[in-house]
Amino acid sequence: MARARRNKSYRLTGICDRRSQEVPFNAEVVEVEIDNPLALDAGEKIVAVRSIRGDPLGRLHAHHQVDEAQYRGGRAFQNDWERAERGPQAVDPTREYVDGTRSREPVTESQRQAVLRLNLVERELGTDGAALVHDVLVLGLTMDQIGERRAVHTQRWKDYFARRFRECLDRLALVYGFATEGEARRAQRCR
């Protein structure tokens, strides 16, 4: 008896599809292309699903409101902030002293470098810009919430904060080396 021919091809992409088919009710996800961690060849990419629910920078990037250099500059700032805040913490004088407690971890060289870069970023952005970037990238606030914190509720102020935040992301891209001065000027002219 002759075998029936199959019309389906044996592609491995169907077998190795690891994307989630079911997402929670209130999930906000976007598909992104990342390096394949199981690839045999360097540079091979796969499509993954990333949550943007609590990530304002990821949401802006997914909706093409910030470019790749601004996104990477913002991520570099977040990375430096996380690395720097792990450092020494204040001693709580209200707590009772107990023998045998662990000593504080010393400040590492990577923490010191992160703090130096954050100081440079604060000088570049100014006090208001640094506070705005901190509110969005570290605290995860939206422009509405930033307006409420600063007691301004009009749409004009929200638009101003959004425009100022993109300017700060341009400056972060320059500081961290993801863009050049000429690219930043061209991007500002296109807006």
N, C-alpha and C. Protein backbone atom coordinates (compact mmCIF):
# COMPACT_ATOMS: atom_id res chain seq x y z
N MET A 1 0.84 -1.18 0.00
CA MET A 1 0.00 0.00 0.00
C MET A 1 0.89 1.24 0.00
N ALA A 2 0.60 2.21 -0.81
CA ALA A 2 1.40 3.42 -0.95
C ALA A 2 1.10 4.37 0.21
N ARG A 3 2.13 5.06 0.62
CA ARG A 3 1.97 6.05 1.69
C ARG A 3 1.34 7.32 1.17
N ALA A 4 0.51 7.91 1.99
CA ALA A 4 -0.11 9.19 1.61
C ALA A 4 0.91 10.30 1.75
N ARG A 5 0.95 11.19 0.78
CA ARG A 5 1.90 12.30 0.84
C ARG A 5 1.37 13.37 1.78
N ARG A 6 2.28 13.95 2.49
CA ARG A 6 1.91 15.03 3.41
C ARG A 6 2.20 16.37 2.75
N ASN A 7 1.29 17.27 2.93
CA ASN A 7 1.47 18.60 2.35
C ASN A 7 2.20 19.54 3.30
N LYS A 8 2.27 19.19 4.57
CA LYS A 8 2.93 20.06 5.54
C LYS A 8 4.44 19.87 5.47
N SER A 9 5.16 20.96 5.58
CA SER A 9 6.62 20.87 5.64
C SER A 9 7.03 20.67 7.10
N TYR A 10 8.16 20.10 7.28
CA TYR A 10 8.66 19.85 8.63
C TYR A 10 9.54 21.01 9.07
N ARG A 11 8.93 22.12 9.32
CA ARG A 11 9.69 23.27 9.79
C ARG A 11 9.79 23.20 11.30
N LEU A 12 10.96 23.49 11.82
CA LEU A 12 11.17 23.45 13.26
C LEU A 12 10.54 24.63 13.98
N THR A 13 10.21 25.68 13.26
CA THR A 13 9.64 26.85 13.93
C THR A 13 8.30 26.52 14.56
N GLY A 14 7.54 25.66 13.95
CA GLY A 14 6.26 25.27 14.53
C GLY A 14 6.43 24.42 15.77
N ILE A 15 7.46 23.61 15.79
CA ILE A 15 7.72 22.74 16.92
C ILE A 15 8.27 23.53 18.10
N CYS A 16 9.14 24.45 17.83
CA CYS A 16 9.83 25.18 18.90
C CYS A 16 9.17 26.52 19.22
N ASP A 17 7.93 26.70 18.88
CA ASP A 17 7.25 27.96 19.17
C ASP A 17 6.95 28.04 20.66
N ARG A 18 7.71 28.89 21.37
CA ARG A 18 7.58 28.99 22.82
C ARG A 18 6.76 30.19 23.26
N ARG A 19 6.14 30.87 22.32
CA ARG A 19 5.36 32.04 22.68
C ARG A 19 4.11 31.62 23.44
N SER A 20 3.75 32.42 24.39
CA SER A 20 2.56 32.14 25.18
C SER A 20 1.32 32.35 24.33
N GLN A 21 0.43 31.38 24.37
CA GLN A 21 -0.81 31.49 23.61
C GLN A 21 -1.91 32.16 24.43
N GLU A 22 -1.81 32.05 25.74
CA GLU A 22 -2.81 32.64 26.62
C GLU A 22 -2.13 33.69 27.50
N VAL A 23 -2.71 34.86 27.54
CA VAL A 23 -2.19 35.91 28.40
C VAL A 23 -3.26 36.27 29.42
N PRO A 24 -2.87 36.77 30.58
CA PRO A 24 -3.86 37.16 31.59
C PRO A 24 -4.80 38.24 31.07
N PHE A 25 -5.91 38.40 31.76
CA PHE A 25 -6.97 39.33 31.36
C PHE A 25 -6.45 40.76 31.19
N ASN A 26 -5.66 41.25 32.13
CA ASN A 26 -5.23 42.65 32.10
C ASN A 26 -3.81 42.82 31.58
N ALA A 27 -3.31 41.86 30.82
CA ALA A 27 -1.94 41.93 30.32
C ALA A 27 -1.84 42.91 29.16
N GLU A 28 -0.72 43.60 29.10
CA GLU A 28 -0.39 44.46 27.98
C GLU A 28 0.95 43.98 27.47
N VAL A 29 0.95 43.30 26.33
CA VAL A 29 2.16 42.68 25.81
C VAL A 29 2.42 43.15 24.40
N VAL A 30 3.67 43.01 23.99
CA VAL A 30 4.09 43.36 22.65
C VAL A 30 5.13 42.33 22.22
N GLU A 31 5.14 41.99 20.94
CA GLU A 31 6.13 41.06 20.43
C GLU A 31 7.40 41.82 20.08
N VAL A 32 8.54 41.29 20.53
CA VAL A 32 9.83 41.90 20.25
C VAL A 32 10.76 40.82 19.71
N GLU A 33 11.74 41.25 18.95
CA GLU A 33 12.73 40.33 18.40
C GLU A 33 13.98 40.40 19.25
N ILE A 34 14.43 39.25 19.77
CA ILE A 34 15.60 39.21 20.64
C ILE A 34 16.58 38.16 20.13
N ASP A 35 17.80 38.20 20.67
CA ASP A 35 18.79 37.17 20.34
C ASP A 35 18.33 35.83 20.89
N ASN A 36 18.52 34.78 20.11
CA ASN A 36 18.11 33.44 20.53
C ASN A 36 19.15 32.89 21.50
N PRO A 37 18.76 32.63 22.75
CA PRO A 37 19.74 32.12 23.71
C PRO A 37 20.16 30.69 23.43
N LEU A 38 19.39 29.95 22.64
CA LEU A 38 19.72 28.56 22.33
C LEU A 38 20.28 28.39 20.93
N ALA A 39 20.62 29.48 20.27
CA ALA A 39 21.07 29.44 18.89
C ALA A 39 22.48 28.87 18.78
N LEU A 40 22.71 28.16 17.70
CA LEU A 40 24.05 27.67 17.41
C LEU A 40 24.85 28.69 16.62
N ASP A 41 24.15 29.50 15.84
CA ASP A 41 24.80 30.55 15.05
C ASP A 41 24.64 31.89 15.75
N ALA A 42 25.70 32.67 15.75
CA ALA A 42 25.65 33.99 16.39
C ALA A 42 24.74 34.92 15.58
N GLY A 43 23.96 35.71 16.28
CA GLY A 43 23.10 36.68 15.63
C GLY A 43 21.73 36.17 15.25
N GLU A 44 21.41 34.94 15.58
CA GLU A 44 20.10 34.40 15.26
C GLU A 44 19.06 35.03 16.19
N LYS A 45 17.91 35.38 15.65
CA LYS A 45 16.88 36.09 16.40
C LYS A 45 15.63 35.21 16.56
N ILE A 46 14.88 35.48 17.63
CA ILE A 46 13.57 34.86 17.84
C ILE A 46 12.59 35.95 18.25
N VAL A 47 11.32 35.66 18.13
CA VAL A 47 10.27 36.59 18.54
C VAL A 47 9.81 36.18 19.93
N ALA A 48 9.80 37.14 20.86
CA ALA A 48 9.37 36.88 22.23
C ALA A 48 8.27 37.88 22.59
N VAL A 49 7.55 37.58 23.64
CA VAL A 49 6.49 38.47 24.12
C VAL A 49 6.99 39.17 25.37
N ARG A 50 6.88 40.50 25.38
CA ARG A 50 7.34 41.30 26.51
C ARG A 50 6.17 42.08 27.09
N SER A 51 6.10 42.10 28.40
CA SER A 51 5.04 42.85 29.07
C SER A 51 5.43 44.32 29.16
N ILE A 52 4.48 45.19 28.81
CA ILE A 52 4.73 46.63 28.90
C ILE A 52 3.80 47.29 29.89
N ARG A 53 3.15 46.48 30.71
CA ARG A 53 2.13 47.01 31.64
C ARG A 53 2.72 48.00 32.63
N GLY A 54 3.81 47.67 33.28
CA GLY A 54 4.40 48.57 34.26
C GLY A 54 5.67 49.22 33.77
N ASP A 55 5.83 49.32 32.46
CA ASP A 55 7.06 49.82 31.87
C ASP A 55 6.76 50.98 30.91
N PRO A 56 6.79 52.22 31.40
CA PRO A 56 6.46 53.35 30.52
C PRO A 56 7.42 53.49 29.35
N LEU A 57 8.71 53.23 29.56
CA LEU A 57 9.68 53.35 28.48
C LEU A 57 9.44 52.27 27.42
N GLY A 58 9.14 51.06 27.85
CA GLY A 58 8.83 49.98 26.91
C GLY A 58 7.57 50.28 26.12
N ARG A 59 6.57 50.89 26.76
CA ARG A 59 5.33 51.25 26.08
C ARG A 59 5.61 52.32 25.01
N LEU A 60 6.40 53.33 25.35
CA LEU A 60 6.73 54.37 24.37
C LEU A 60 7.49 53.79 23.19
N HIS A 61 8.40 52.86 23.46
CA HIS A 61 9.18 52.24 22.40
C HIS A 61 8.30 51.35 21.53
N ALA A 62 7.39 50.61 22.15
CA ALA A 62 6.50 49.72 21.40
C ALA A 62 5.56 50.50 20.48
N HIS A 63 5.16 51.69 20.89
CA HIS A 63 4.26 52.52 20.10
C HIS A 63 5.03 53.50 19.20
N HIS A 64 6.34 53.30 19.07
CA HIS A 64 7.21 54.10 18.19
C HIS A 64 7.17 55.58 18.52
N GLN A 65 7.06 55.91 19.81
CA GLN A 65 7.09 57.30 20.23
C GLN A 65 8.50 57.73 20.63
N VAL A 66 9.38 56.76 20.88
CA VAL A 66 10.80 57.04 21.09
C VAL A 66 11.58 56.12 20.17
N ASP A 67 12.75 56.57 19.72
CA ASP A 67 13.54 55.74 18.82
C ASP A 67 14.46 54.80 19.61
N GLU A 68 15.23 54.02 18.90
CA GLU A 68 16.07 52.99 19.53
C GLU A 68 17.15 53.60 20.42
N ALA A 69 17.76 54.71 20.00
CA ALA A 69 18.81 55.34 20.81
C ALA A 69 18.24 55.88 22.11
N GLN A 70 17.07 56.52 22.05
CA GLN A 70 16.43 57.03 23.27
C GLN A 70 16.07 55.88 24.19
N TYR A 71 15.56 54.79 23.62
CA TYR A 71 15.18 53.63 24.43
C TYR A 71 16.40 53.03 25.13
N ARG A 72 17.47 52.86 24.39
CA ARG A 72 18.67 52.27 24.99
C ARG A 72 19.30 53.21 26.02
N GLY A 73 19.23 54.52 25.79
CA GLY A 73 19.71 55.48 26.78
C GLY A 73 18.91 55.41 28.07
N GLY A 74 17.59 55.29 27.94
CA GLY A 74 16.72 55.16 29.12
C GLY A 74 17.00 53.87 29.87
N ARG A 75 17.20 52.77 29.14
CA ARG A 75 17.52 51.49 29.79
C ARG A 75 18.89 51.55 30.49
N ALA A 76 19.84 52.24 29.89
CA ALA A 76 21.15 52.39 30.52
C ALA A 76 21.02 53.18 31.83
N PHE A 77 20.19 54.23 31.82
CA PHE A 77 19.96 54.99 33.04
C PHE A 77 19.33 54.10 34.11
N GLN A 78 18.32 53.30 33.74
CA GLN A 78 17.69 52.40 34.70
C GLN A 78 18.69 51.39 35.25
N ASN A 79 19.56 50.89 34.40
CA ASN A 79 20.57 49.93 34.83
C ASN A 79 21.54 50.57 35.83
N ASP A 80 21.98 51.79 35.53
CA ASP A 80 22.87 52.50 36.46
C ASP A 80 22.17 52.78 37.78
N TRP A 81 20.91 53.15 37.73
CA TRP A 81 20.17 53.44 38.96
C TRP A 81 20.05 52.20 39.83
N GLU A 82 19.72 51.06 39.20
CA GLU A 82 19.59 49.81 39.96
C GLU A 82 20.94 49.39 40.55
N ARG A 83 21.99 49.56 39.79
CA ARG A 83 23.31 49.19 40.28
C ARG A 83 23.75 50.11 41.42
N ALA A 84 23.44 51.39 41.32
CA ALA A 84 23.89 52.34 42.34
C ALA A 84 23.07 52.24 43.62
N GLU A 85 21.79 51.94 43.53
CA GLU A 85 20.97 51.93 44.73
C GLU A 85 21.20 50.71 45.60
N ARG A 86 21.87 49.70 45.09
CA ARG A 86 22.18 48.51 45.86
C ARG A 86 23.27 48.78 46.90
N GLY A 87 23.88 49.92 46.83
CA GLY A 87 25.02 50.26 47.66
C GLY A 87 24.73 50.38 49.14
N PRO A 88 25.60 51.06 49.84
CA PRO A 88 25.46 51.17 51.30
C PRO A 88 24.15 51.83 51.70
N GLN A 89 23.56 51.33 52.76
CA GLN A 89 22.31 51.86 53.24
C GLN A 89 22.53 52.52 54.59
N ALA A 90 21.64 53.42 54.94
CA ALA A 90 21.77 54.14 56.20
C ALA A 90 21.50 53.19 57.37
N VAL A 91 22.16 53.46 58.46
CA VAL A 91 21.95 52.68 59.67
C VAL A 91 20.71 53.21 60.37
N ASP A 92 19.83 52.31 60.77
CA ASP A 92 18.61 52.69 61.45
C ASP A 92 18.89 52.75 62.95
N PRO A 93 18.98 53.97 63.55
CA PRO A 93 19.31 54.06 64.97
C PRO A 93 18.18 53.59 65.89
N THR A 94 16.98 53.43 65.34
CA THR A 94 15.87 52.98 66.19
C THR A 94 15.89 51.47 66.41
N ARG A 95 16.61 50.75 65.57
CA ARG A 95 16.67 49.30 65.74
C ARG A 95 17.65 48.94 66.84
N GLU A 96 17.34 47.90 67.53
CA GLU A 96 18.19 47.43 68.62
C GLU A 96 19.43 46.75 68.05
N TYR A 97 20.58 47.02 68.64
CA TYR A 97 21.83 46.43 68.18
C TYR A 97 21.88 44.96 68.60
N VAL A 98 22.22 44.12 67.65
CA VAL A 98 22.31 42.69 67.92
C VAL A 98 23.68 42.22 67.47
N ASP A 99 24.37 41.50 68.34
CA ASP A 99 25.67 40.95 67.96
C ASP A 99 25.50 39.90 66.88
N GLY A 100 26.48 39.77 66.04
CA GLY A 100 26.45 38.76 65.01
C GLY A 100 25.78 39.20 63.72
N THR A 101 25.47 40.46 63.60
CA THR A 101 24.87 40.92 62.35
C THR A 101 25.94 40.99 61.27
N ARG A 102 25.49 40.86 60.07
CA ARG A 102 26.44 40.94 58.97
C ARG A 102 26.94 42.37 58.81
N SER A 103 28.16 42.50 58.38
CA SER A 103 28.68 43.84 58.09
C SER A 103 28.15 44.28 56.73
N ARG A 104 28.16 45.56 56.51
CA ARG A 104 27.68 46.11 55.25
C ARG A 104 28.61 45.68 54.12
N GLU A 105 28.02 45.45 52.95
CA GLU A 105 28.83 45.09 51.80
C GLU A 105 29.57 46.32 51.31
N PRO A 106 30.83 46.15 50.92
CA PRO A 106 31.58 47.30 50.43
C PRO A 106 31.06 47.74 49.06
N VAL A 107 31.31 48.99 48.72
CA VAL A 107 30.90 49.52 47.43
C VAL A 107 31.84 48.97 46.37
N THR A 108 31.27 48.37 45.34
CA THR A 108 32.07 47.79 44.27
C THR A 108 32.44 48.86 43.26
N GLU A 109 33.37 48.51 42.39
CA GLU A 109 33.81 49.46 41.36
C GLU A 109 32.67 49.76 40.37
N SER A 110 31.84 48.76 40.05
CA SER A 110 30.73 49.01 39.12
C SER A 110 29.69 49.94 39.74
N GLN A 111 29.49 49.84 41.05
CA GLN A 111 28.57 50.76 41.72
C GLN A 111 29.13 52.18 41.70
N ARG A 112 30.41 52.29 41.94
CA ARG A 112 31.05 53.61 41.95
C ARG A 112 30.95 54.25 40.56
N GLN A 113 31.20 53.46 39.51
CA GLN A 113 31.11 53.99 38.15
C GLN A 113 29.66 54.38 37.81
N ALA A 114 28.70 53.60 38.28
CA ALA A 114 27.29 53.93 38.04
C ALA A 114 26.92 55.25 38.70
N VAL A 115 27.39 55.46 39.93
CA VAL A 115 27.10 56.72 40.62
C VAL A 115 27.74 57.90 39.89
N LEU A 116 28.96 57.72 39.39
CA LEU A 116 29.61 58.79 38.64
C LEU A 116 28.83 59.12 37.37
N ARG A 117 28.36 58.09 36.65
CA ARG A 117 27.56 58.34 35.44
C ARG A 117 26.24 59.03 35.80
N LEU A 118 25.62 58.63 36.91
CA LEU A 118 24.37 59.28 37.32
C LEU A 118 24.59 60.74 37.68
N ASN A 119 25.72 61.04 38.30
CA ASN A 119 26.05 62.45 38.60
C ASN A 119 26.24 63.25 37.32
N LEU A 120 26.89 62.64 36.32
CA LEU A 120 27.06 63.31 35.03
C LEU A 120 25.71 63.54 34.36
N VAL A 121 24.84 62.54 34.43
CA VAL A 121 23.50 62.66 33.84
C VAL A 121 22.73 63.79 34.50
N GLU A 122 22.82 63.89 35.84
CA GLU A 122 22.09 64.95 36.54
C GLU A 122 22.61 66.32 36.14
N ARG A 123 23.91 66.46 35.96
CA ARG A 123 24.47 67.74 35.51
C ARG A 123 23.99 68.07 34.10
N GLU A 124 23.93 67.06 33.22
CA GLU A 124 23.50 67.28 31.84
C GLU A 124 22.02 67.64 31.74
N LEU A 125 21.18 66.96 32.53
CA LEU A 125 19.74 67.16 32.43
C LEU A 125 19.24 68.35 33.23
N GLY A 126 19.96 68.73 34.26
CA GLY A 126 19.48 69.77 35.15
C GLY A 126 18.58 69.16 36.20
N THR A 127 18.21 69.96 37.17
CA THR A 127 17.42 69.46 38.30
C THR A 127 16.04 69.00 37.85
N ASP A 128 15.37 69.82 37.04
CA ASP A 128 14.02 69.47 36.60
C ASP A 128 14.02 68.26 35.68
N GLY A 129 14.96 68.21 34.75
CA GLY A 129 15.04 67.07 33.84
C GLY A 129 15.39 65.78 34.56
N ALA A 130 16.31 65.86 35.52
CA ALA A 130 16.67 64.67 36.29
C ALA A 130 15.49 64.17 37.12
N ALA A 131 14.72 65.10 37.67
CA ALA A 131 13.54 64.70 38.44
C ALA A 131 12.48 64.06 37.54
N LEU A 132 12.30 64.60 36.35
CA LEU A 132 11.34 64.04 35.40
C LEU A 132 11.75 62.64 34.96
N VAL A 133 13.02 62.47 34.63
CA VAL A 133 13.52 61.16 34.21
C VAL A 133 13.40 60.16 35.35
N HIS A 134 13.71 60.58 36.57
CA HIS A 134 13.58 59.70 37.73
C HIS A 134 12.12 59.28 37.93
N ASP A 135 11.20 60.24 37.81
CA ASP A 135 9.79 59.93 38.00
C ASP A 135 9.30 58.89 36.99
N VAL A 136 9.72 59.01 35.74
CA VAL A 136 9.23 58.10 34.71
C VAL A 136 9.98 56.78 34.72
N LEU A 137 11.32 56.84 34.71
CA LEU A 137 12.10 55.61 34.54
C LEU A 137 12.29 54.81 35.82
N VAL A 138 12.32 55.45 36.96
CA VAL A 138 12.53 54.73 38.22
C VAL A 138 11.20 54.45 38.92
N LEU A 139 10.37 55.48 39.05
CA LEU A 139 9.09 55.30 39.74
C LEU A 139 7.98 54.78 38.83
N GLY A 140 8.16 54.88 37.51
CA GLY A 140 7.18 54.37 36.57
C GLY A 140 5.91 55.18 36.47
N LEU A 141 6.01 56.49 36.67
CA LEU A 141 4.82 57.35 36.62
C LEU A 141 4.48 57.74 35.19
N THR A 142 3.20 57.97 34.95
CA THR A 142 2.77 58.48 33.65
C THR A 142 2.79 60.01 33.68
N MET A 143 2.55 60.62 32.53
CA MET A 143 2.55 62.08 32.47
C MET A 143 1.38 62.66 33.29
N ASP A 144 0.26 61.95 33.34
CA ASP A 144 -0.87 62.39 34.18
C ASP A 144 -0.47 62.41 35.65
N GLN A 145 0.20 61.36 36.09
CA GLN A 145 0.61 61.27 37.49
C GLN A 145 1.67 62.31 37.83
N ILE A 146 2.56 62.59 36.88
CA ILE A 146 3.58 63.62 37.11
C ILE A 146 2.91 64.98 37.24
N GLY A 147 1.91 65.25 36.40
CA GLY A 147 1.16 66.50 36.51
C GLY A 147 0.45 66.62 37.85
N GLU A 148 -0.12 65.52 38.32
CA GLU A 148 -0.80 65.55 39.63
C GLU A 148 0.20 65.81 40.76
N ARG A 149 1.37 65.21 40.68
CA ARG A 149 2.38 65.43 41.73
C ARG A 149 2.84 66.87 41.77
N ARG A 150 2.82 67.53 40.61
CA ARG A 150 3.29 68.91 40.53
C ARG A 150 2.13 69.91 40.52
N ALA A 151 0.93 69.43 40.79
CA ALA A 151 -0.27 70.26 40.94
C ALA A 151 -0.61 71.04 39.67
N VAL A 152 -0.37 70.43 38.51
CA VAL A 152 -0.79 71.00 37.23
C VAL A 152 -1.59 69.92 36.51
N HIS A 153 -2.80 70.25 36.08
CA HIS A 153 -3.70 69.23 35.57
C HIS A 153 -4.13 69.44 34.13
N THR A 154 -3.62 70.45 33.45
CA THR A 154 -4.09 70.72 32.10
C THR A 154 -3.34 69.85 31.09
N GLN A 155 -3.93 69.70 29.91
CA GLN A 155 -3.33 68.91 28.84
C GLN A 155 -2.04 69.57 28.34
N ARG A 156 -2.02 70.88 28.41
CA ARG A 156 -0.82 71.59 27.95
C ARG A 156 0.40 71.21 28.78
N TRP A 157 0.23 71.07 30.10
CA TRP A 157 1.34 70.66 30.96
C TRP A 157 1.75 69.22 30.67
N LYS A 158 0.78 68.35 30.44
CA LYS A 158 1.10 66.95 30.13
C LYS A 158 1.90 66.86 28.84
N ASP A 159 1.51 67.65 27.84
CA ASP A 159 2.26 67.68 26.59
C ASP A 159 3.66 68.22 26.81
N TYR A 160 3.78 69.24 27.66
CA TYR A 160 5.10 69.79 27.97
C TYR A 160 5.98 68.73 28.63
N PHE A 161 5.44 67.98 29.61
CA PHE A 161 6.23 66.95 30.29
C PHE A 161 6.64 65.86 29.30
N ALA A 162 5.76 65.48 28.39
CA ALA A 162 6.09 64.45 27.41
C ALA A 162 7.20 64.93 26.48
N ARG A 163 7.10 66.18 26.01
CA ARG A 163 8.12 66.74 25.13
C ARG A 163 9.46 66.87 25.85
N ARG A 164 9.41 67.34 27.10
CA ARG A 164 10.63 67.49 27.90
C ARG A 164 11.26 66.14 28.20
N PHE A 165 10.44 65.10 28.43
CA PHE A 165 10.96 63.76 28.68
C PHE A 165 11.69 63.22 27.45
N ARG A 166 11.14 63.45 26.25
CA ARG A 166 11.82 63.01 25.04
C ARG A 166 13.14 63.77 24.84
N GLU A 167 13.17 65.05 25.19
CA GLU A 167 14.43 65.80 25.13
C GLU A 167 15.45 65.21 26.09
N CYS A 168 15.00 64.82 27.29
CA CYS A 168 15.89 64.20 28.26
C CYS A 168 16.39 62.85 27.77
N LEU A 169 15.52 62.10 27.09
CA LEU A 169 15.96 60.82 26.52
C LEU A 169 17.00 61.04 25.42
N ASP A 170 16.84 62.11 24.64
CA ASP A 170 17.88 62.46 23.65
C ASP A 170 19.21 62.71 24.33
N ARG A 171 19.18 63.46 25.42
CA ARG A 171 20.40 63.78 26.16
C ARG A 171 21.00 62.51 26.77
N LEU A 172 20.15 61.60 27.28
CA LEU A 172 20.65 60.33 27.83
C LEU A 172 21.32 59.50 26.74
N ALA A 173 20.74 59.49 25.54
CA ALA A 173 21.34 58.76 24.43
C ALA A 173 22.72 59.33 24.10
N LEU A 174 22.87 60.64 24.20
CA LEU A 174 24.17 61.27 23.96
C LEU A 174 25.16 60.92 25.07
N VAL A 175 24.73 61.00 26.31
CA VAL A 175 25.62 60.75 27.45
C VAL A 175 26.12 59.31 27.45
N TYR A 176 25.23 58.37 27.17
CA TYR A 176 25.60 56.96 27.20
C TYR A 176 26.20 56.47 25.89
N GLY A 177 26.28 57.33 24.89
CA GLY A 177 26.96 56.97 23.65
C GLY A 177 26.12 56.21 22.64
N PHE A 178 24.81 56.29 22.71
CA PHE A 178 23.95 55.61 21.75
C PHE A 178 23.58 56.51 20.58
N ALA A 179 23.93 57.78 20.65
CA ALA A 179 23.64 58.72 19.58
C ALA A 179 24.76 59.76 19.55
N THR A 180 24.83 60.48 18.44
CA THR A 180 25.78 61.57 18.32
C THR A 180 25.01 62.89 18.31
N GLU A 181 25.73 63.97 18.43
CA GLU A 181 25.09 65.29 18.48
C GLU A 181 24.31 65.58 17.20
N GLY A 182 24.84 65.18 16.07
CA GLY A 182 24.16 65.42 14.80
C GLY A 182 22.86 64.64 14.68
N GLU A 183 22.86 63.39 15.16
CA GLU A 183 21.63 62.59 15.13
C GLU A 183 20.56 63.20 16.02
N ALA A 184 20.96 63.72 17.17
CA ALA A 184 19.99 64.32 18.10
C ALA A 184 19.38 65.58 17.48
N ARG A 185 20.19 66.38 16.79
CA ARG A 185 19.65 67.59 16.15
C ARG A 185 18.67 67.23 15.05
N ARG A 186 19.02 66.21 14.23
CA ARG A 186 18.13 65.79 13.16
C ARG A 186 16.81 65.26 13.71
N ALA A 187 16.87 64.52 14.80
CA ALA A 187 15.65 63.96 15.41
C ALA A 187 14.76 65.08 15.94
N GLN A 188 15.36 66.13 16.51
CA GLN A 188 14.56 67.24 17.02
C GLN A 188 13.92 68.03 15.89
N ARG A 189 14.61 68.16 14.75
CA ARG A 189 14.04 68.88 13.62
C ARG A 189 12.87 68.12 13.00
N CYS A 190 12.90 66.78 13.06
CA CYS A 190 11.85 65.97 12.45
C CYS A 190 10.56 66.00 13.26
N ARG A 191 10.59 66.39 14.50
CA ARG A 191 9.39 66.38 15.34
C ARG A 191 8.48 67.54 15.06
